[in-house]
Amino acid sequence: MRAITRKFLPTILASSVLLSLGADAGFLVSGGKIYEGNGNEFVMRGINHAHTWFPDKLDQSLNGIANTGTNTVRVVLSSGDRWTKNSANDVATLLIKLKKKI
């Protein structure tokens, strides 16, 4: 079995967030597909948000993202190795705001 390297960690964390949010939102995983609580297959329509580089533009960015009709947001965060670290509080605030907008 291959060890988990740093480059895979963000994907694992993002998947964990999706699944934890999904449990509250009524998502179901079956046969390798994700279904909404109403039984419709969930099709991701996503956009990227470079939060770690532009944290001061969060509200402006979320307003723009909300206008795209997306249902998924991939967020760039930093562990502090290369760019300023995103704190747990920062990420929690980001998730709260995302839930309200998207």
C-alpha atoms as a PDB file:
ATOM      1  CA  MET A   1       0.000   0.000   0.000  1.00  0.00           C
ATOM      2  CA  ARG A   2       1.320   3.431  -0.944  1.00  0.00           C
ATOM      3  CA  ALA A   3       1.778   6.043   1.786  1.00  0.00           C
ATOM      4  CA  ILE A   4      -0.388   9.148   1.564  1.00  0.00           C
ATOM      5  CA  THR A   5       1.731  12.058   0.409  1.00  0.00           C
ATOM      6  CA  ARG A   6       1.065  15.754   0.876  1.00  0.00           C
ATOM      7  CA  LYS A   7      -0.230  16.272  -2.645  1.00  0.00           C
ATOM      8  CA  PHE A   8      -3.085  13.813  -1.979  1.00  0.00           C
ATOM      9  CA  LEU A   9      -4.045  15.304   1.385  1.00  0.00           C
ATOM     10  CA  PRO A  10      -6.093  18.283   0.066  1.00  0.00           C
ATOM     11  CA  THR A  11      -8.205  15.938  -2.055  1.00  0.00           C
ATOM     12  CA  ILE A  12      -8.841  13.689   0.924  1.00  0.00           C
ATOM     13  CA  LEU A  13      -9.772  16.665   3.083  1.00  0.00           C
ATOM     14  CA  ALA A  14     -12.049  18.075   0.393  1.00  0.00           C
ATOM     15  CA  SER A  15     -13.735  14.698   0.026  1.00  0.00           C
ATOM     16  CA  SER A  16     -14.212  14.502   3.786  1.00  0.00           C
ATOM     17  CA  VAL A  17     -15.787  17.951   3.823  1.00  0.00           C
ATOM     18  CA  LEU A  18     -18.093  17.030   0.928  1.00  0.00           C
ATOM     19  CA  LEU A  19     -19.167  13.846   2.649  1.00  0.00           C
ATOM     20  CA  SER A  20     -19.696  15.536   6.017  1.00  0.00           C
ATOM     21  CA  LEU A  21     -21.697  18.334   4.400  1.00  0.00           C
ATOM     22  CA  GLY A  22     -23.528  15.739   2.336  1.00  0.00           C
ATOM     23  CA  ALA A  23     -24.699  13.847   5.406  1.00  0.00           C
ATOM     24  CA  ASP A  24     -26.470  16.969   6.659  1.00  0.00           C
ATOM     25  CA  ALA A  25     -27.826  17.833   3.223  1.00  0.00           C
ATOM     26  CA  GLY A  26     -29.269  14.374   2.570  1.00  0.00           C
ATOM     27  CA  PHE A  27     -26.740  13.016   0.087  1.00  0.00           C
ATOM     28  CA  LEU A  28     -26.424   9.293  -0.546  1.00  0.00           C
ATOM     29  CA  VAL A  29     -23.573   7.420  -2.211  1.00  0.00           C
ATOM     30  CA  SER A  30     -24.563   4.304  -4.139  1.00  0.00           C
ATOM     31  CA  GLY A  31     -22.822   2.397  -6.911  1.00  0.00           C
ATOM     32  CA  GLY A  32     -20.060   4.965  -7.158  1.00  0.00           C
ATOM     33  CA  LYS A  33     -22.505   7.848  -7.690  1.00  0.00           C
ATOM     34  CA  ILE A  34     -23.726  10.624  -5.401  1.00  0.00           C
ATOM     35  CA  TYR A  35     -27.471  11.196  -5.119  1.00  0.00           C
ATOM     36  CA  GLU A  36     -29.356  14.129  -3.611  1.00  0.00           C
ATOM     37  CA  GLY A  37     -31.947  13.539  -0.912  1.00  0.00           C
ATOM     38  CA  ASN A  38     -34.701  13.670  -3.554  1.00  0.00           C
ATOM     39  CA  GLY A  39     -33.128  10.774  -5.484  1.00  0.00           C
ATOM     40  CA  ASN A  40     -31.653  12.831  -8.341  1.00  0.00           C
ATOM     41  CA  GLU A  41     -28.065  12.104  -9.275  1.00  0.00           C
ATOM     42  CA  PHE A  42     -25.800  14.875  -8.042  1.00  0.00           C
ATOM     43  CA  VAL A  43     -23.748  16.353 -10.876  1.00  0.00           C
ATOM     44  CA  MET A  44     -20.976  18.664  -9.722  1.00  0.00           C
ATOM     45  CA  ARG A  45     -20.758  22.048 -11.389  1.00  0.00           C
ATOM     46  CA  GLY A  46     -17.762  23.596  -9.739  1.00  0.00           C
ATOM     47  CA  ILE A  47     -15.565  26.601  -9.586  1.00  0.00           C
ATOM     48  CA  ASN A  48     -12.244  27.341  -7.900  1.00  0.00           C
ATOM     49  CA  HIS A  49     -11.666  29.908  -5.180  1.00  0.00           C
ATOM     50  CA  ALA A  50      -8.043  30.878  -4.405  1.00  0.00           C
ATOM     51  CA  HIS A  51      -8.802  31.782  -0.799  1.00  0.00           C
ATOM     52  CA  THR A  52      -5.287  31.470   0.574  1.00  0.00           C
ATOM     53  CA  TRP A  53      -3.975  34.091  -1.864  1.00  0.00           C
ATOM     54  CA  PHE A  54      -6.935  36.500  -1.625  1.00  0.00           C
ATOM     55  CA  PRO A  55      -8.519  36.134   1.847  1.00  0.00           C
ATOM     56  CA  ASP A  56      -9.443  39.835   1.881  1.00  0.00           C
ATOM     57  CA  LYS A  57     -11.679  39.296  -1.162  1.00  0.00           C
ATOM     58  CA  LEU A  58     -13.794  36.495   0.351  1.00  0.00           C
ATOM     59  CA  ASP A  59     -17.182  38.241   0.375  1.00  0.00           C
ATOM     60  CA  GLN A  60     -16.671  39.723  -3.101  1.00  0.00           C
ATOM     61  CA  SER A  61     -15.563  36.332  -4.438  1.00  0.00           C
ATOM     62  CA  LEU A  62     -18.498  34.478  -2.880  1.00  0.00           C
ATOM     63  CA  ASN A  63     -20.960  36.943  -4.403  1.00  0.00           C
ATOM     64  CA  GLY A  64     -19.441  36.311  -7.822  1.00  0.00           C
ATOM     65  CA  ILE A  65     -19.351  32.547  -7.289  1.00  0.00           C
ATOM     66  CA  ALA A  66     -23.014  32.495  -6.215  1.00  0.00           C
ATOM     67  CA  ASN A  67     -23.971  34.170  -9.495  1.00  0.00           C
ATOM     68  CA  THR A  68     -22.425  31.354 -11.582  1.00  0.00           C
ATOM     69  CA  GLY A  69     -24.951  28.680 -10.595  1.00  0.00           C
ATOM     70  CA  THR A  70     -22.216  26.410  -9.271  1.00  0.00           C
ATOM     71  CA  ASN A  71     -23.016  23.778  -6.669  1.00  0.00           C
ATOM     72  CA  THR A  72     -19.417  22.933  -5.720  1.00  0.00           C
ATOM     73  CA  VAL A  73     -16.444  25.099  -4.768  1.00  0.00           C
ATOM     74  CA  ARG A  74     -12.843  23.909  -4.650  1.00  0.00           C
ATOM     75  CA  VAL A  75     -11.000  26.132  -2.192  1.00  0.00           C
ATOM     76  CA  VAL A  76      -7.231  26.684  -2.193  1.00  0.00           C
ATOM     77  CA  LEU A  77      -5.915  26.619   1.369  1.00  0.00           C
ATOM     78  CA  SER A  78      -2.384  26.679   2.759  1.00  0.00           C
ATOM     79  CA  SER A  79      -0.647  24.656   5.460  1.00  0.00           C
ATOM     80  CA  GLY A  80       1.862  27.467   5.891  1.00  0.00           C
ATOM     81  CA  ASP A  81       4.722  25.717   4.110  1.00  0.00           C
ATOM     82  CA  ARG A  82       4.732  28.109   1.170  1.00  0.00           C
ATOM     83  CA  TRP A  83       2.020  30.721   1.785  1.00  0.00           C
ATOM     84  CA  THR A  84       0.387  32.091   4.909  1.00  0.00           C
ATOM     85  CA  LYS A  85      -1.350  29.307   6.820  1.00  0.00           C
ATOM     86  CA  ASN A  86      -5.145  29.299   6.900  1.00  0.00           C
ATOM     87  CA  SER A  87      -6.257  28.874  10.485  1.00  0.00           C
ATOM     88  CA  ALA A  88      -9.038  26.530  11.586  1.00  0.00           C
ATOM     89  CA  ASN A  89     -11.123  29.604  12.428  1.00  0.00           C
ATOM     90  CA  ASP A  90     -10.573  31.018   8.941  1.00  0.00           C
ATOM     91  CA  VAL A  91     -11.671  27.744   7.337  1.00  0.00           C
ATOM     92  CA  ALA A  92     -14.719  27.502   9.628  1.00  0.00           C
ATOM     93  CA  THR A  93     -15.767  31.053   8.692  1.00  0.00           C
ATOM     94  CA  LEU A  94     -15.251  30.251   5.015  1.00  0.00           C
ATOM     95  CA  LEU A  95     -17.471  27.144   5.258  1.00  0.00           C
ATOM     96  CA  ILE A  96     -20.231  29.056   7.060  1.00  0.00           C
ATOM     97  CA  LYS A  97     -20.203  31.760   4.384  1.00  0.00           C
ATOM     98  CA  LEU A  98     -20.116  29.186   1.581  1.00  0.00           C
ATOM     99  CA  LYS A  99     -23.169  27.394   2.994  1.00  0.00           C
ATOM    100  CA  LYS A 100     -25.101  30.674   3.057  1.00  0.00           C
ATOM    101  CA  LYS A 101     -24.156  31.706  -0.504  1.00  0.00           C
ATOM    102  CA  ILE A 102     -24.006  28.504  -2.521  1.00  0.00           C
END
